[in-house]
Amino acid sequence: MDRDSGGPAILRLKLLEAKIVARRPMDEDARRHAASLIDALRRAIAERPCLSFADVVAKLKTCDELSDGALDAPAEQLRKTLIKDALAGLARVEQRR
């Protein structure tokens, strides 16, 4: 799975796929790889600009999932980045209308 292709909405779909696969029984090495992929996809979603309303929603949904539990400092920073960029992306999308 190439985490670098697509905008936030496409990356969100890849994230959901990775989370489904991670629920399956697997050895510890595969589990670590899946967790690493999920983290990388979350960061990629945060880093990509919003070009559509679907991208804004993808960032907000990813942020919402991060808010479900106690967050360490990097996860909290990622959550803030997702919110900030989603709001900026929403303004950009609205200006294009």
C-alpha atoms as a PDB file:
ATOM      1  CA  MET A   1       0.000   0.000   0.000  1.00  0.00           C
ATOM      2  CA  ASP A   2       1.536   3.306  -1.094  1.00  0.00           C
ATOM      3  CA  ARG A   3       0.801   5.868   1.608  1.00  0.00           C
ATOM      4  CA  ASP A   4       2.121   8.721  -0.539  1.00  0.00           C
ATOM      5  CA  SER A   5      -0.484   8.583  -3.301  1.00  0.00           C
ATOM      6  CA  GLY A   6      -3.649  10.619  -3.100  1.00  0.00           C
ATOM      7  CA  GLY A   7      -5.088  13.362  -0.996  1.00  0.00           C
ATOM      8  CA  PRO A   8      -6.483  13.069   2.525  1.00  0.00           C
ATOM      9  CA  ALA A   9      -9.730  11.390   1.399  1.00  0.00           C
ATOM     10  CA  ILE A  10      -7.895   8.655  -0.533  1.00  0.00           C
ATOM     11  CA  LEU A  11      -5.396   8.206   2.292  1.00  0.00           C
ATOM     12  CA  ARG A  12      -8.312   7.911   4.732  1.00  0.00           C
ATOM     13  CA  LEU A  13      -9.688   4.995   2.706  1.00  0.00           C
ATOM     14  CA  LYS A  14      -6.263   3.349   2.862  1.00  0.00           C
ATOM     15  CA  LEU A  15      -6.202   3.980   6.619  1.00  0.00           C
ATOM     16  CA  LEU A  16      -9.558   2.272   7.044  1.00  0.00           C
ATOM     17  CA  GLU A  17      -8.328  -0.704   5.003  1.00  0.00           C
ATOM     18  CA  ALA A  18      -5.184  -0.944   7.131  1.00  0.00           C
ATOM     19  CA  LYS A  19      -7.229  -0.830  10.345  1.00  0.00           C
ATOM     20  CA  ILE A  20      -9.450  -3.667   9.112  1.00  0.00           C
ATOM     21  CA  VAL A  21      -6.412  -5.789   8.238  1.00  0.00           C
ATOM     22  CA  ALA A  22      -4.834  -4.995  11.627  1.00  0.00           C
ATOM     23  CA  ARG A  23      -7.820  -6.587  13.402  1.00  0.00           C
ATOM     24  CA  ARG A  24      -7.035  -9.976  11.864  1.00  0.00           C
ATOM     25  CA  PRO A  25      -4.882 -12.527  13.689  1.00  0.00           C
ATOM     26  CA  MET A  26      -1.208 -11.990  12.819  1.00  0.00           C
ATOM     27  CA  ASP A  27       2.247 -12.450  14.274  1.00  0.00           C
ATOM     28  CA  GLU A  28       3.869  -9.724  16.339  1.00  0.00           C
ATOM     29  CA  ASP A  29       6.117  -8.490  13.521  1.00  0.00           C
ATOM     30  CA  ALA A  30       3.145  -8.055  11.182  1.00  0.00           C
ATOM     31  CA  ARG A  31       1.209  -6.305  13.964  1.00  0.00           C
ATOM     32  CA  ARG A  32       4.062  -3.814  14.468  1.00  0.00           C
ATOM     33  CA  HIS A  33       4.220  -3.217  10.712  1.00  0.00           C
ATOM     34  CA  ALA A  34       0.454  -2.608  10.586  1.00  0.00           C
ATOM     35  CA  ALA A  35       0.635  -0.162  13.497  1.00  0.00           C
ATOM     36  CA  SER A  36       3.510   1.658  11.803  1.00  0.00           C
ATOM     37  CA  LEU A  37       1.544   1.882   8.546  1.00  0.00           C
ATOM     38  CA  ILE A  38      -1.515   3.247  10.377  1.00  0.00           C
ATOM     39  CA  ASP A  39       0.603   5.924  12.080  1.00  0.00           C
ATOM     40  CA  ALA A  40       2.242   6.850   8.765  1.00  0.00           C
ATOM     41  CA  LEU A  41      -1.138   7.166   7.067  1.00  0.00           C
ATOM     42  CA  ARG A  42      -2.440   9.411   9.861  1.00  0.00           C
ATOM     43  CA  ARG A  43       0.595  11.674   9.480  1.00  0.00           C
ATOM     44  CA  ALA A  44       0.198  11.712   5.689  1.00  0.00           C
ATOM     45  CA  ILE A  45      -3.462  12.712   6.068  1.00  0.00           C
ATOM     46  CA  ALA A  46      -2.392  15.570   8.336  1.00  0.00           C
ATOM     47  CA  GLU A  47       0.364  16.710   5.950  1.00  0.00           C
ATOM     48  CA  ARG A  48      -1.634  16.724   2.705  1.00  0.00           C
ATOM     49  CA  PRO A  49      -3.567  19.868   1.765  1.00  0.00           C
ATOM     50  CA  CYS A  50      -7.333  19.787   1.425  1.00  0.00           C
ATOM     51  CA  LEU A  51      -8.441  20.153  -2.173  1.00  0.00           C
ATOM     52  CA  SER A  52     -12.057  19.126  -1.665  1.00  0.00           C
ATOM     53  CA  PHE A  53     -14.731  18.925   0.971  1.00  0.00           C
ATOM     54  CA  ALA A  54     -14.084  15.148   1.130  1.00  0.00           C
ATOM     55  CA  ASP A  55     -10.488  15.910   2.156  1.00  0.00           C
ATOM     56  CA  VAL A  56     -11.736  18.181   4.963  1.00  0.00           C
ATOM     57  CA  VAL A  57     -14.066  15.440   6.204  1.00  0.00           C
ATOM     58  CA  ALA A  58     -11.227  12.886   6.046  1.00  0.00           C
ATOM     59  CA  LYS A  59      -9.049  15.080   8.262  1.00  0.00           C
ATOM     60  CA  LEU A  60     -11.864  15.681  10.746  1.00  0.00           C
ATOM     61  CA  LYS A  61     -12.782  11.977  10.924  1.00  0.00           C
ATOM     62  CA  THR A  62      -9.135  11.055  11.510  1.00  0.00           C
ATOM     63  CA  CYS A  63      -8.945  13.687  14.226  1.00  0.00           C
ATOM     64  CA  ASP A  64     -12.141  12.362  15.790  1.00  0.00           C
ATOM     65  CA  GLU A  65     -10.677   8.857  15.979  1.00  0.00           C
ATOM     66  CA  LEU A  66      -7.567  10.189  17.706  1.00  0.00           C
ATOM     67  CA  SER A  67      -9.770  11.869  20.323  1.00  0.00           C
ATOM     68  CA  ASP A  68     -11.257   8.554  21.491  1.00  0.00           C
ATOM     69  CA  GLY A  69      -8.577   7.887  24.099  1.00  0.00           C
ATOM     70  CA  ALA A  70      -5.761   9.389  26.097  1.00  0.00           C
ATOM     71  CA  LEU A  71      -3.200  10.925  23.752  1.00  0.00           C
ATOM     72  CA  ASP A  72       0.544  11.147  24.078  1.00  0.00           C
ATOM     73  CA  ALA A  73       2.224  14.418  23.053  1.00  0.00           C
ATOM     74  CA  PRO A  74       2.863  13.452  19.385  1.00  0.00           C
ATOM     75  CA  ALA A  75      -0.730  12.244  18.940  1.00  0.00           C
ATOM     76  CA  GLU A  76      -2.092  15.427  20.534  1.00  0.00           C
ATOM     77  CA  GLN A  77       0.053  17.517  18.188  1.00  0.00           C
ATOM     78  CA  LEU A  78      -1.184  15.483  15.220  1.00  0.00           C
ATOM     79  CA  ARG A  79      -4.788  16.048  16.351  1.00  0.00           C
ATOM     80  CA  LYS A  80      -4.204  19.805  16.535  1.00  0.00           C
ATOM     81  CA  THR A  81      -2.570  19.795  13.103  1.00  0.00           C
ATOM     82  CA  LEU A  82      -5.527  17.912  11.634  1.00  0.00           C
ATOM     83  CA  ILE A  83      -8.037  20.386  13.077  1.00  0.00           C
ATOM     84  CA  LYS A  84      -6.036  23.446  12.014  1.00  0.00           C
ATOM     85  CA  ASP A  85      -5.515  22.196   8.469  1.00  0.00           C
ATOM     86  CA  ALA A  86      -9.114  20.995   8.105  1.00  0.00           C
ATOM     87  CA  LEU A  87     -10.364  24.483   8.981  1.00  0.00           C
ATOM     88  CA  ALA A  88      -7.892  26.105   6.596  1.00  0.00           C
ATOM     89  CA  GLY A  89      -8.850  23.601   3.911  1.00  0.00           C
ATOM     90  CA  LEU A  90     -12.525  24.310   4.423  1.00  0.00           C
ATOM     91  CA  ALA A  91     -11.848  28.026   3.899  1.00  0.00           C
ATOM     92  CA  ARG A  92      -9.929  27.241   0.673  1.00  0.00           C
ATOM     93  CA  VAL A  93     -12.660  24.963  -0.623  1.00  0.00           C
ATOM     94  CA  GLU A  94     -15.294  27.597   0.174  1.00  0.00           C
ATOM     95  CA  GLN A  95     -13.305  30.317  -1.657  1.00  0.00           C
ATOM     96  CA  ARG A  96     -13.301  28.188  -4.811  1.00  0.00           C
ATOM     97  CA  ARG A  97     -17.090  28.023  -4.922  1.00  0.00           C
END
